[in-house]
Amino acid sequence: MNQDIVITLLQKMFILTLEMSVPILLVGVVLGLMVSIFQTVTQIQESTLTFVPKIVGCVILLIFLMPWMFSVFVSTVNEFMSMIPQLIGGA
């Protein structure tokens, strides 16, 4: 297994991590921004108010995206597993 294969596998792993985490992070950022604007307009400075909408929004999105995330993850793992004989044989 040479350096190019390792770099390619790591690149695919990082891309998969980004694909799966970006939607949840974006929802957290958008909800946090909306709550911050609401707090600024209403002058409510409750620190716990920012966490509850973000947690609820991220959990709801996670419930809806879980089948897609699972299928993408399983297909990538299957792809990596199918590469193992080539990687061992190429050594």
N, C-alpha and C. Protein backbone atom coordinates (compact mmCIF):
# COMPACT_ATOMS: atom_id res chain seq x y z
N MET A 1 0.86 -1.17 0.00
CA MET A 1 0.00 0.00 0.00
C MET A 1 0.91 1.23 0.00
N ASN A 2 0.80 2.01 -1.05
CA ASN A 2 1.67 3.17 -1.14
C ASN A 2 0.99 4.42 -0.59
N GLN A 3 1.73 5.50 -0.62
CA GLN A 3 1.28 6.75 -0.03
C GLN A 3 0.05 7.32 -0.75
N ASP A 4 -0.05 7.15 -2.04
CA ASP A 4 -1.18 7.69 -2.79
C ASP A 4 -2.50 7.05 -2.37
N ILE A 5 -2.47 5.75 -2.13
CA ILE A 5 -3.70 5.05 -1.71
C ILE A 5 -4.14 5.52 -0.34
N VAL A 6 -3.18 5.68 0.57
CA VAL A 6 -3.52 6.15 1.92
C VAL A 6 -4.11 7.55 1.87
N ILE A 7 -3.53 8.42 1.07
CA ILE A 7 -4.04 9.79 0.95
C ILE A 7 -5.44 9.78 0.35
N THR A 8 -5.66 8.94 -0.65
CA THR A 8 -6.99 8.85 -1.27
C THR A 8 -8.03 8.34 -0.27
N LEU A 9 -7.69 7.33 0.52
CA LEU A 9 -8.62 6.81 1.52
C LEU A 9 -8.93 7.85 2.58
N LEU A 10 -7.92 8.56 3.04
CA LEU A 10 -8.15 9.62 4.03
C LEU A 10 -9.00 10.75 3.45
N GLN A 11 -8.76 11.08 2.19
CA GLN A 11 -9.56 12.12 1.54
C GLN A 11 -11.02 11.71 1.45
N LYS A 12 -11.28 10.46 1.07
CA LYS A 12 -12.67 9.98 1.01
C LYS A 12 -13.31 9.97 2.39
N MET A 13 -12.53 9.61 3.42
CA MET A 13 -13.06 9.59 4.78
C MET A 13 -13.42 11.00 5.24
N PHE A 14 -12.57 11.98 4.97
CA PHE A 14 -12.86 13.35 5.36
C PHE A 14 -14.06 13.92 4.60
N ILE A 15 -14.17 13.60 3.32
CA ILE A 15 -15.31 14.06 2.54
C ILE A 15 -16.61 13.44 3.07
N LEU A 16 -16.57 12.16 3.42
CA LEU A 16 -17.75 11.51 4.00
C LEU A 16 -18.13 12.18 5.31
N THR A 17 -17.15 12.49 6.15
CA THR A 17 -17.43 13.17 7.41
C THR A 17 -18.07 14.53 7.18
N LEU A 18 -17.56 15.26 6.21
CA LEU A 18 -18.16 16.56 5.89
C LEU A 18 -19.57 16.43 5.35
N GLU A 19 -19.78 15.47 4.45
CA GLU A 19 -21.12 15.26 3.89
C GLU A 19 -22.15 14.98 4.97
N MET A 20 -21.74 14.23 5.98
CA MET A 20 -22.70 13.83 7.00
C MET A 20 -22.89 14.88 8.09
N SER A 21 -21.89 15.72 8.32
CA SER A 21 -22.00 16.67 9.43
C SER A 21 -22.45 18.07 9.02
N VAL A 22 -22.23 18.45 7.78
CA VAL A 22 -22.55 19.82 7.37
C VAL A 22 -24.04 20.16 7.49
N PRO A 23 -24.98 19.29 7.10
CA PRO A 23 -26.40 19.69 7.25
C PRO A 23 -26.78 19.97 8.71
N ILE A 24 -26.29 19.16 9.63
CA ILE A 24 -26.62 19.35 11.04
C ILE A 24 -25.97 20.62 11.58
N LEU A 25 -24.72 20.85 11.19
CA LEU A 25 -24.04 22.06 11.63
C LEU A 25 -24.71 23.32 11.07
N LEU A 26 -25.15 23.26 9.82
CA LEU A 26 -25.82 24.42 9.23
C LEU A 26 -27.13 24.74 9.94
N VAL A 27 -27.88 23.70 10.29
CA VAL A 27 -29.14 23.93 11.02
C VAL A 27 -28.84 24.54 12.38
N GLY A 28 -27.80 24.06 13.05
CA GLY A 28 -27.43 24.64 14.34
C GLY A 28 -27.02 26.10 14.22
N VAL A 29 -26.26 26.44 13.18
CA VAL A 29 -25.83 27.82 12.98
C VAL A 29 -27.03 28.71 12.65
N VAL A 30 -27.89 28.25 11.76
CA VAL A 30 -29.05 29.07 11.37
C VAL A 30 -29.99 29.28 12.55
N LEU A 31 -30.27 28.22 13.30
CA LEU A 31 -31.14 28.38 14.47
C LEU A 31 -30.50 29.26 15.53
N GLY A 32 -29.20 29.12 15.72
CA GLY A 32 -28.51 29.98 16.67
C GLY A 32 -28.57 31.45 16.27
N LEU A 33 -28.42 31.71 14.98
CA LEU A 33 -28.52 33.08 14.48
C LEU A 33 -29.93 33.63 14.67
N MET A 34 -30.94 32.81 14.37
CA MET A 34 -32.32 33.26 14.54
C MET A 34 -32.63 33.56 16.00
N VAL A 35 -32.17 32.70 16.90
CA VAL A 35 -32.41 32.93 18.33
C VAL A 35 -31.66 34.17 18.80
N SER A 36 -30.45 34.38 18.30
CA SER A 36 -29.68 35.57 18.68
C SER A 36 -30.38 36.84 18.22
N ILE A 37 -30.92 36.82 17.00
CA ILE A 37 -31.67 37.98 16.50
C ILE A 37 -32.92 38.19 17.35
N PHE A 38 -33.61 37.12 17.69
CA PHE A 38 -34.79 37.22 18.55
C PHE A 38 -34.42 37.80 19.90
N GLN A 39 -33.32 37.34 20.48
CA GLN A 39 -32.91 37.86 21.78
C GLN A 39 -32.52 39.34 21.69
N THR A 40 -31.90 39.72 20.61
CA THR A 40 -31.51 41.12 20.44
C THR A 40 -32.74 42.01 20.30
N VAL A 41 -33.71 41.57 19.52
CA VAL A 41 -34.92 42.37 19.29
C VAL A 41 -35.74 42.49 20.57
N THR A 42 -35.88 41.39 21.29
CA THR A 42 -36.73 41.41 22.47
C THR A 42 -35.97 41.74 23.75
N GLN A 43 -34.66 41.84 23.68
CA GLN A 43 -33.79 42.12 24.82
C GLN A 43 -33.93 41.08 25.92
N ILE A 44 -34.21 39.85 25.53
CA ILE A 44 -34.22 38.73 26.48
C ILE A 44 -32.81 38.14 26.47
N GLN A 45 -32.16 38.13 27.61
CA GLN A 45 -30.78 37.64 27.67
C GLN A 45 -30.70 36.37 28.51
N GLU A 46 -31.50 35.41 28.17
CA GLU A 46 -31.49 34.11 28.85
C GLU A 46 -30.50 33.21 28.12
N SER A 47 -29.50 32.71 28.83
CA SER A 47 -28.45 31.93 28.17
C SER A 47 -28.94 30.55 27.73
N THR A 48 -29.90 29.98 28.43
CA THR A 48 -30.38 28.65 28.06
C THR A 48 -31.30 28.68 26.84
N LEU A 49 -31.79 29.86 26.49
CA LEU A 49 -32.70 29.99 25.35
C LEU A 49 -32.01 29.63 24.04
N THR A 50 -30.71 29.80 23.96
CA THR A 50 -30.00 29.50 22.71
C THR A 50 -29.82 28.01 22.49
N PHE A 51 -29.73 27.24 23.56
CA PHE A 51 -29.42 25.81 23.40
C PHE A 51 -30.62 24.96 23.02
N VAL A 52 -31.77 25.24 23.59
CA VAL A 52 -32.94 24.38 23.38
C VAL A 52 -33.37 24.34 21.91
N PRO A 53 -33.54 25.46 21.21
CA PRO A 53 -33.94 25.36 19.79
C PRO A 53 -32.89 24.66 18.93
N LYS A 54 -31.61 24.90 19.22
CA LYS A 54 -30.57 24.24 18.43
C LYS A 54 -30.58 22.73 18.65
N ILE A 55 -30.74 22.31 19.87
CA ILE A 55 -30.77 20.87 20.17
C ILE A 55 -31.99 20.23 19.52
N VAL A 56 -33.15 20.86 19.67
CA VAL A 56 -34.38 20.30 19.10
C VAL A 56 -34.30 20.26 17.58
N GLY A 57 -33.82 21.34 16.97
CA GLY A 57 -33.71 21.38 15.51
C GLY A 57 -32.73 20.34 14.98
N CYS A 58 -31.60 20.19 15.65
CA CYS A 58 -30.60 19.21 15.20
C CYS A 58 -31.10 17.78 15.38
N VAL A 59 -31.81 17.52 16.45
CA VAL A 59 -32.35 16.16 16.67
C VAL A 59 -33.42 15.84 15.63
N ILE A 60 -34.29 16.79 15.34
CA ILE A 60 -35.32 16.56 14.33
C ILE A 60 -34.69 16.33 12.96
N LEU A 61 -33.70 17.14 12.61
CA LEU A 61 -33.01 16.94 11.33
C LEU A 61 -32.28 15.61 11.30
N LEU A 62 -31.69 15.24 12.40
CA LEU A 62 -30.99 13.95 12.48
C LEU A 62 -31.96 12.78 12.28
N ILE A 63 -33.16 12.90 12.81
CA ILE A 63 -34.17 11.85 12.63
C ILE A 63 -34.54 11.73 11.15
N PHE A 64 -34.71 12.87 10.47
CA PHE A 64 -35.08 12.83 9.06
C PHE A 64 -33.94 12.39 8.16
N LEU A 65 -32.71 12.76 8.49
CA LEU A 65 -31.57 12.44 7.64
C LEU A 65 -30.92 11.10 7.95
N MET A 66 -31.32 10.45 9.03
CA MET A 66 -30.66 9.21 9.43
C MET A 66 -30.70 8.12 8.35
N PRO A 67 -31.80 7.88 7.65
CA PRO A 67 -31.76 6.85 6.58
C PRO A 67 -30.75 7.19 5.48
N TRP A 68 -30.71 8.45 5.07
CA TRP A 68 -29.73 8.85 4.05
C TRP A 68 -28.31 8.72 4.56
N MET A 69 -28.07 9.17 5.78
CA MET A 69 -26.73 9.08 6.36
C MET A 69 -26.28 7.64 6.50
N PHE A 70 -27.20 6.79 6.92
CA PHE A 70 -26.86 5.38 7.09
C PHE A 70 -26.55 4.72 5.75
N SER A 71 -27.33 5.02 4.73
CA SER A 71 -27.07 4.40 3.42
C SER A 71 -25.75 4.89 2.82
N VAL A 72 -25.44 6.17 2.97
CA VAL A 72 -24.16 6.70 2.48
C VAL A 72 -23.01 6.06 3.23
N PHE A 73 -23.14 5.93 4.54
CA PHE A 73 -22.09 5.33 5.35
C PHE A 73 -21.87 3.87 5.00
N VAL A 74 -22.96 3.12 4.85
CA VAL A 74 -22.84 1.69 4.54
C VAL A 74 -22.24 1.49 3.15
N SER A 75 -22.63 2.30 2.18
CA SER A 75 -22.07 2.15 0.85
C SER A 75 -20.57 2.49 0.84
N THR A 76 -20.17 3.47 1.61
CA THR A 76 -18.74 3.81 1.68
C THR A 76 -17.95 2.72 2.38
N VAL A 77 -18.50 2.15 3.44
CA VAL A 77 -17.82 1.05 4.13
C VAL A 77 -17.72 -0.16 3.21
N ASN A 78 -18.77 -0.45 2.47
CA ASN A 78 -18.71 -1.56 1.51
C ASN A 78 -17.66 -1.32 0.44
N GLU A 79 -17.55 -0.08 -0.01
CA GLU A 79 -16.53 0.26 -1.00
C GLU A 79 -15.13 0.05 -0.42
N PHE A 80 -14.92 0.50 0.83
CA PHE A 80 -13.62 0.30 1.47
C PHE A 80 -13.33 -1.18 1.68
N MET A 81 -14.34 -1.95 2.08
CA MET A 81 -14.14 -3.38 2.31
C MET A 81 -13.82 -4.12 1.01
N SER A 82 -14.42 -3.68 -0.08
CA SER A 82 -14.12 -4.34 -1.36
C SER A 82 -12.71 -4.01 -1.86
N MET A 83 -12.12 -2.92 -1.34
CA MET A 83 -10.77 -2.55 -1.73
C MET A 83 -9.70 -3.31 -0.95
N ILE A 84 -10.06 -3.97 0.14
CA ILE A 84 -9.07 -4.63 0.99
C ILE A 84 -8.26 -5.68 0.25
N PRO A 85 -8.88 -6.57 -0.52
CA PRO A 85 -8.04 -7.56 -1.23
C PRO A 85 -7.04 -6.92 -2.20
N GLN A 86 -7.45 -5.84 -2.86
CA GLN A 86 -6.53 -5.16 -3.76
C GLN A 86 -5.38 -4.51 -2.98
N LEU A 87 -5.70 -3.97 -1.82
CA LEU A 87 -4.67 -3.32 -1.02
C LEU A 87 -3.68 -4.33 -0.46
N ILE A 88 -4.18 -5.47 -0.03
CA ILE A 88 -3.30 -6.51 0.51
C ILE A 88 -2.49 -7.14 -0.61
N GLY A 89 -3.14 -7.38 -1.74
CA GLY A 89 -2.44 -7.99 -2.87
C GLY A 89 -1.43 -7.06 -3.49
N GLY A 90 -1.66 -5.76 -3.38
CA GLY A 90 -0.75 -4.79 -3.97
C GLY A 90 0.49 -4.54 -3.13
N ALA A 91 0.53 -5.10 -1.90
CA ALA A 91 1.66 -4.86 -1.01
C ALA A 91 2.83 -5.67 -1.34
